[in-house]
């Protein structure tokens, strides 16, 4: 008998994501790889461990076996320890100092800025990160004029900048907790558009969601515009409309005490990517590269998956 481990962290990650989503195809999309790659990795893991982890149901996804259910929590813990080890090793790199200005599309900022800045402070104490939370058009202007070295935004808002995707997120709908349509947990855009679409007032964002409705064969709904995520969530919780989002807040409670529910979109919607936009042809500085490594770590921790790029 040997103590040498024959399975990999990647195989564990593919198993965990497949188990949580209950579908190999969806897991492949989440992991930005092919269905066959995920399926093969999970089968190799089962072979190495000597137990069956997943039951494959034709056209109905996958479910955990009793053994798989017992090992899922251990796999979660092991992946968490691996991420912690990687974060600690990253902190040992040579010191980076100076100032870097980074733009964040403001709806993304609350989800990534706190952890990213905390990790940056831990790994590069001499690096000052100046964060600019702005509209999609404004941060691209900051990028063009040199005020920001790089900006964090969505792929569909990156304009003519050179975009590097880091994580792909599926579209979902946000409804009021007491909306009858939220009970089933799945809905089509055609069913949603009977109500107004509550969205951020950015023209690019409004245009993106309107195009999604058209591509799904649904009428373009009435639009209620707001300038903050919390006001948008509050309007939805009050039953005044629905929202379309990629980011998921950890709390379902709005600031006024009401609640919202996330609902799966059943239409065939392509996931969108959060990533970094830079000026084409302009090399990223050492400070920029250091920040990107920190950002990738923050994404890996926040979304439970390895950042691309």
Protein backbone atom coordinates (compact mmCIF):
# COMPACT_ATOMS: atom_id res chain seq x y z
CA UNK A 1 0.00 0.00 0.00
CA UNK A 2 1.31 3.48 -0.86
CA UNK A 3 0.62 6.90 0.67
CA UNK A 4 0.96 8.58 -2.72
CA UNK A 5 -2.22 10.40 -3.76
CA UNK A 6 -3.42 9.46 -7.22
CA UNK A 7 -6.22 12.03 -7.56
CA UNK A 8 -5.94 15.77 -8.22
CA UNK A 9 -7.49 18.93 -6.80
CA UNK A 10 -8.98 19.61 -10.23
CA UNK A 11 -10.81 16.28 -10.12
CA UNK A 12 -12.12 17.16 -6.65
CA UNK A 13 -13.27 20.57 -7.84
CA UNK A 14 -15.08 19.09 -10.85
CA UNK A 15 -16.82 16.59 -8.55
CA UNK A 16 -17.90 19.31 -6.09
CA UNK A 17 -19.31 21.63 -8.76
CA UNK A 18 -21.09 18.74 -10.54
CA UNK A 19 -22.62 17.57 -7.27
CA UNK A 20 -23.80 21.05 -6.30
CA UNK A 21 -25.33 21.81 -9.70
CA UNK A 22 -26.68 18.29 -10.24
CA UNK A 23 -25.73 18.47 -13.89
CA UNK A 24 -22.44 17.73 -15.68
CA UNK A 25 -23.24 20.09 -18.56
CA UNK A 26 -23.95 23.02 -16.23
CA UNK A 27 -20.81 22.20 -14.25
CA UNK A 28 -18.77 22.35 -17.46
CA UNK A 29 -20.20 25.81 -18.23
CA UNK A 30 -19.46 27.02 -14.70
CA UNK A 31 -15.91 25.66 -14.89
CA UNK A 32 -15.32 26.99 -18.42
CA UNK A 33 -14.43 23.58 -19.83
CA UNK A 34 -16.06 20.79 -21.83
CA UNK A 35 -18.66 18.34 -20.59
CA UNK A 36 -16.46 15.39 -21.54
CA UNK A 37 -13.55 16.82 -19.53
CA UNK A 38 -15.69 17.15 -16.39
CA UNK A 39 -17.25 13.70 -16.84
CA UNK A 40 -13.86 12.07 -17.40
CA UNK A 41 -12.31 13.81 -14.38
CA UNK A 42 -15.10 12.67 -12.07
CA UNK A 43 -14.85 9.09 -13.34
CA UNK A 44 -11.08 9.11 -12.76
CA UNK A 45 -11.65 10.41 -9.24
CA UNK A 46 -14.14 7.61 -8.60
CA UNK A 47 -11.60 5.10 -9.90
CA UNK A 48 -8.82 6.47 -7.69
CA UNK A 49 -11.03 6.53 -4.59
CA UNK A 50 -12.59 3.16 -5.32
CA UNK A 51 -16.18 4.36 -4.80
CA UNK A 52 -18.97 5.68 -7.00
CA UNK A 53 -19.66 9.31 -6.15
CA UNK A 54 -22.41 10.23 -8.61
CA UNK A 55 -25.41 8.50 -10.10
CA UNK A 56 -25.86 9.40 -13.78
CA UNK A 57 -29.49 9.82 -14.84
CA UNK A 58 -30.07 9.98 -18.59
CA UNK A 59 -31.37 13.46 -19.51
CA UNK A 60 -31.90 14.21 -15.80
CA UNK A 61 -28.46 15.14 -14.58
CA UNK A 62 -26.61 13.54 -11.68
CA UNK A 63 -27.20 12.90 -7.99
CA UNK A 64 -24.96 11.92 -5.09
CA UNK A 65 -24.54 8.34 -3.97
CA UNK A 66 -24.40 7.73 -0.20
CA UNK A 67 -20.60 7.60 -0.48
CA UNK A 68 -20.56 10.76 -2.56
CA UNK A 69 -22.67 12.57 0.02
CA UNK A 70 -20.24 11.61 2.79
CA UNK A 71 -17.17 12.67 0.81
CA UNK A 72 -18.60 15.95 -0.54
CA UNK A 73 -18.01 17.85 2.70
CA UNK A 74 -14.47 16.50 2.96
CA UNK A 75 -13.82 17.59 -0.63
CA UNK A 76 -15.09 21.10 0.21
CA UNK A 77 -12.74 21.30 3.18
CA UNK A 78 -9.76 20.05 1.20
CA UNK A 79 -10.35 22.58 -1.60
CA UNK A 80 -10.67 25.36 0.96
CA UNK A 81 -7.36 24.36 2.53
CA UNK A 82 -5.75 24.30 -0.90
CA UNK A 83 -6.97 27.84 -1.62
CA UNK A 84 -5.63 28.97 1.75
CA UNK A 85 -2.25 27.39 0.97
CA UNK A 86 -2.16 29.14 -2.40
CA UNK A 87 -3.04 32.48 -0.78
CA UNK A 88 -0.23 32.08 1.75
CA UNK A 89 2.29 31.13 -0.91
CA UNK A 90 1.29 34.13 -3.00
CA UNK A 91 2.08 36.35 -0.03
CA UNK A 92 5.71 35.23 -0.17
CA UNK A 93 6.37 36.86 -3.55
CA UNK A 94 8.75 39.80 -3.76
CA UNK A 95 7.43 43.08 -2.42
CA UNK A 96 5.44 45.31 -4.77
CA UNK A 97 5.19 48.98 -3.87
CA UNK A 98 3.67 52.17 -5.21
CA UNK A 99 0.13 53.07 -6.26
CA UNK A 100 -2.24 51.47 -8.74
CA UNK A 101 -5.59 52.92 -9.82
CA UNK A 102 -8.23 50.31 -10.63
CA UNK A 103 -11.75 50.89 -11.93
CA UNK A 104 -14.70 48.71 -10.93
CA UNK A 105 -18.11 48.73 -12.58
CA UNK A 106 -20.01 49.77 -9.47
CA UNK A 107 -22.44 46.80 -9.18
CA UNK A 108 -19.45 44.41 -9.15
CA UNK A 109 -17.49 46.38 -6.56
CA UNK A 110 -19.37 45.33 -3.39
CA UNK A 111 -18.81 41.66 -4.22
CA UNK A 112 -15.07 41.85 -4.94
CA UNK A 113 -13.48 45.06 -3.66
CA UNK A 114 -13.43 44.30 0.11
CA UNK A 115 -11.80 40.87 -0.22
CA UNK A 116 -9.48 41.99 -3.03
CA UNK A 117 -8.22 44.96 -1.02
CA UNK A 118 -7.80 42.83 2.10
CA UNK A 119 -5.74 40.25 0.20
CA UNK A 120 -3.73 43.01 -1.49
CA UNK A 121 -2.90 44.57 1.89
CA UNK A 122 -1.86 41.20 3.27
CA UNK A 123 0.37 40.24 0.34
CA UNK A 124 1.71 43.64 -0.71
CA UNK A 125 1.69 45.98 2.30
CA UNK A 126 3.55 48.66 0.34
CA UNK A 127 1.06 48.64 -2.56
CA UNK A 128 -1.64 51.32 -2.44
CA UNK A 129 -4.77 50.31 -4.38
CA UNK A 130 -7.02 53.22 -5.35
CA UNK A 131 -10.47 51.92 -6.31
CA UNK A 132 -12.78 53.91 -8.59
CA UNK A 133 -16.41 52.69 -8.52
CA UNK A 134 -18.11 54.12 -11.58
CA UNK A 135 -20.58 53.44 -14.37
CA UNK A 136 -19.52 51.20 -17.25
CA UNK A 137 -18.90 54.13 -19.59
CA UNK A 138 -17.06 56.14 -16.95
CA UNK A 139 -14.53 53.43 -16.05
CA UNK A 140 -13.79 52.88 -19.76
CA UNK A 141 -13.14 56.61 -20.03
CA UNK A 142 -10.77 56.35 -17.04
CA UNK A 143 -9.02 53.49 -18.85
CA UNK A 144 -8.66 55.41 -22.13
CA UNK A 145 -7.34 58.53 -20.42
CA UNK A 146 -4.85 56.64 -18.25
CA UNK A 147 -6.51 57.42 -14.95
CA UNK A 148 -6.91 53.67 -14.35
CA UNK A 149 -4.43 51.02 -15.45
CA UNK A 150 -7.13 48.37 -15.62
CA UNK A 151 -10.85 48.06 -14.94
CA UNK A 152 -13.05 45.21 -13.72
CA UNK A 153 -16.30 44.89 -15.65
CA UNK A 154 -18.53 42.54 -17.65
CA UNK A 155 -17.63 41.28 -21.10
CA UNK A 156 -20.67 42.96 -22.66
CA UNK A 157 -19.60 46.33 -21.22
CA UNK A 158 -15.92 46.26 -22.21
CA UNK A 159 -16.31 48.23 -25.45
CA UNK A 160 -13.13 48.35 -27.54
CA UNK A 161 -10.84 47.53 -24.61
CA UNK A 162 -8.84 44.29 -24.50
CA UNK A 163 -10.93 42.05 -22.26
CA UNK A 164 -9.63 39.10 -20.23
CA UNK A 165 -12.44 36.98 -18.70
CA UNK A 166 -11.92 35.70 -15.17
CA UNK A 167 -15.21 34.03 -14.23
CA UNK A 168 -18.46 33.20 -16.04
CA UNK A 169 -21.79 33.69 -14.27
CA UNK A 170 -25.26 32.53 -15.35
CA UNK A 171 -28.19 34.92 -15.66
CA UNK A 172 -30.97 34.69 -13.10
CA UNK A 173 -34.13 36.61 -12.26
CA UNK A 174 -34.84 38.40 -8.99
CA UNK A 175 -38.45 38.42 -7.77
CA UNK A 176 -40.25 39.47 -4.61
CA UNK A 177 -40.44 36.73 -1.98
CA UNK A 178 -44.25 36.67 -2.13
CA UNK A 179 -44.40 36.64 -5.95
CA UNK A 180 -46.23 33.39 -6.87
CA UNK A 181 -43.84 32.92 -9.78
CA UNK A 182 -40.90 32.59 -7.38
CA UNK A 183 -42.28 29.42 -5.78
CA UNK A 184 -41.29 27.05 -8.57
CA UNK A 185 -37.76 28.45 -8.76
CA UNK A 186 -37.66 28.45 -12.58
CA UNK A 187 -39.16 30.88 -15.08
CA UNK A 188 -38.89 32.06 -18.68
CA UNK A 189 -38.25 35.61 -19.83
CA UNK A 190 -41.61 35.52 -21.58
CA UNK A 191 -43.32 35.04 -18.22
CA UNK A 192 -41.27 37.76 -16.56
CA UNK A 193 -41.90 40.61 -18.98
CA UNK A 194 -45.52 41.03 -17.91
CA UNK A 195 -43.97 43.15 -15.16
CA UNK A 196 -41.53 46.05 -15.55
CA UNK A 197 -37.80 45.32 -15.65
CA UNK A 198 -36.05 47.05 -12.75
CA UNK A 199 -32.47 47.74 -13.76
CA UNK A 200 -29.54 50.08 -13.37
CA UNK A 201 -29.81 53.28 -15.35
CA UNK A 202 -26.65 52.63 -17.40
CA UNK A 203 -27.68 52.69 -21.10
CA UNK A 204 -25.35 49.78 -21.86
CA UNK A 205 -26.91 47.65 -19.13
CA UNK A 206 -30.47 48.48 -20.21
CA UNK A 207 -29.60 47.71 -23.83
CA UNK A 208 -27.99 44.38 -22.86
CA UNK A 209 -31.05 43.14 -20.98
CA UNK A 210 -33.42 44.35 -23.68
CA UNK A 211 -31.39 42.40 -26.24
CA UNK A 212 -31.64 39.28 -24.06
CA UNK A 213 -35.43 39.58 -24.08
CA UNK A 214 -35.48 39.95 -27.85
CA UNK A 215 -33.15 36.97 -28.34
CA UNK A 216 -35.50 34.85 -26.19
CA UNK A 217 -38.48 35.91 -28.30
CA UNK A 218 -39.99 37.91 -25.43
CA UNK A 219 -41.38 41.45 -25.73
CA UNK A 220 -39.19 44.24 -24.39
CA UNK A 221 -40.75 45.15 -21.02
CA UNK A 222 -41.35 48.51 -19.46
CA UNK A 223 -38.13 49.61 -17.73
CA UNK A 224 -37.77 51.13 -14.27
CA UNK A 225 -34.29 52.61 -13.86
CA UNK A 226 -32.35 53.16 -10.67
CA UNK A 227 -28.76 54.01 -9.80
CA UNK A 228 -28.00 51.56 -6.97
CA UNK A 229 -28.22 47.82 -6.44
CA UNK A 230 -30.01 48.17 -3.10
CA UNK A 231 -32.72 50.43 -4.52
CA UNK A 232 -33.16 47.97 -7.39
CA UNK A 233 -33.51 45.07 -4.93
CA UNK A 234 -35.90 47.13 -2.81
CA UNK A 235 -38.17 47.90 -5.76
CA UNK A 236 -38.24 44.22 -6.68
CA UNK A 237 -38.98 43.19 -3.08
CA UNK A 238 -41.87 45.68 -3.05
CA UNK A 239 -43.41 43.85 -6.02
CA UNK A 240 -42.89 46.66 -8.52
CA UNK A 241 -41.02 44.57 -11.08
CA UNK A 242 -38.34 41.96 -11.67
CA UNK A 243 -34.59 42.25 -12.11
CA UNK A 244 -32.08 40.32 -14.19
CA UNK A 245 -28.70 39.77 -12.55
CA UNK A 246 -25.47 37.80 -12.69
CA UNK A 247 -24.14 38.46 -9.18
CA UNK A 248 -25.87 36.82 -6.21
CA UNK A 249 -26.00 38.68 -2.90
CA UNK A 250 -25.52 36.53 0.20
CA UNK A 251 -28.57 38.09 1.88
CA UNK A 252 -32.13 37.90 0.56
CA UNK A 253 -33.23 40.75 2.85
CA UNK A 254 -33.39 44.30 1.50
CA UNK A 255 -32.59 47.38 3.56
CA UNK A 256 -36.28 47.98 4.33
CA UNK A 257 -36.71 44.45 5.68
CA UNK A 258 -38.47 42.86 2.70
CA UNK A 259 -37.12 39.80 0.91
CA UNK A 260 -36.28 38.79 -2.65
CA UNK A 261 -35.86 35.39 -4.29
CA UNK A 262 -33.41 34.30 -7.00
CA UNK A 263 -35.12 32.33 -9.77
CA UNK A 264 -33.46 30.29 -12.52
CA UNK A 265 -33.99 31.44 -16.12
CA UNK A 266 -35.03 28.45 -18.24
CA UNK A 267 -34.32 30.16 -21.58
CA UNK A 268 -31.03 29.25 -23.25
CA UNK A 269 -29.03 32.24 -22.04
CA UNK A 270 -25.26 32.43 -22.52
CA UNK A 271 -23.42 33.19 -19.25
CA UNK A 272 -21.59 36.51 -19.01
CA UNK A 273 -18.04 36.96 -17.81
CA UNK A 274 -16.55 39.26 -15.22
CA UNK A 275 -13.02 40.13 -16.16
CA UNK A 276 -10.36 42.77 -16.58
CA UNK A 277 -10.26 45.31 -19.40
CA UNK A 278 -6.97 46.96 -20.37
CA UNK A 279 -5.83 49.30 -23.11
CA UNK A 280 -4.98 47.23 -26.23
CA UNK A 281 -1.25 47.00 -26.85
CA UNK A 282 -0.25 48.53 -23.52
CA UNK A 283 1.66 46.09 -21.26
CA UNK A 284 0.46 45.68 -17.70
CA UNK A 285 2.90 46.98 -15.07
CA UNK A 286 4.39 44.90 -12.26
CA UNK A 287 1.87 46.47 -9.89
CA UNK A 288 -0.91 45.58 -12.31
CA UNK A 289 0.24 41.96 -12.53
CA UNK A 290 0.40 41.75 -8.74
CA UNK A 291 -3.12 43.15 -8.47
CA UNK A 292 -4.40 40.68 -11.06
CA UNK A 293 -3.03 37.75 -9.05
CA UNK A 294 -4.78 39.09 -5.96
CA UNK A 295 -8.02 39.59 -7.92
CA UNK A 296 -7.90 36.02 -9.24
CA UNK A 297 -7.48 34.74 -5.69
CA UNK A 298 -10.44 36.83 -4.51
CA UNK A 299 -12.58 35.43 -7.32
CA UNK A 300 -11.52 31.88 -6.50
CA UNK A 301 -12.54 32.39 -2.87
CA UNK A 302 -15.74 34.32 -3.61
CA UNK A 303 -17.09 32.05 -6.33
CA UNK A 304 -15.54 28.75 -5.28
CA UNK A 305 -13.84 28.21 -8.62
CA UNK A 306 -10.48 28.91 -10.21
CA UNK A 307 -10.33 32.25 -11.99
CA UNK A 308 -9.48 32.10 -15.65
CA UNK A 309 -6.53 33.84 -17.21
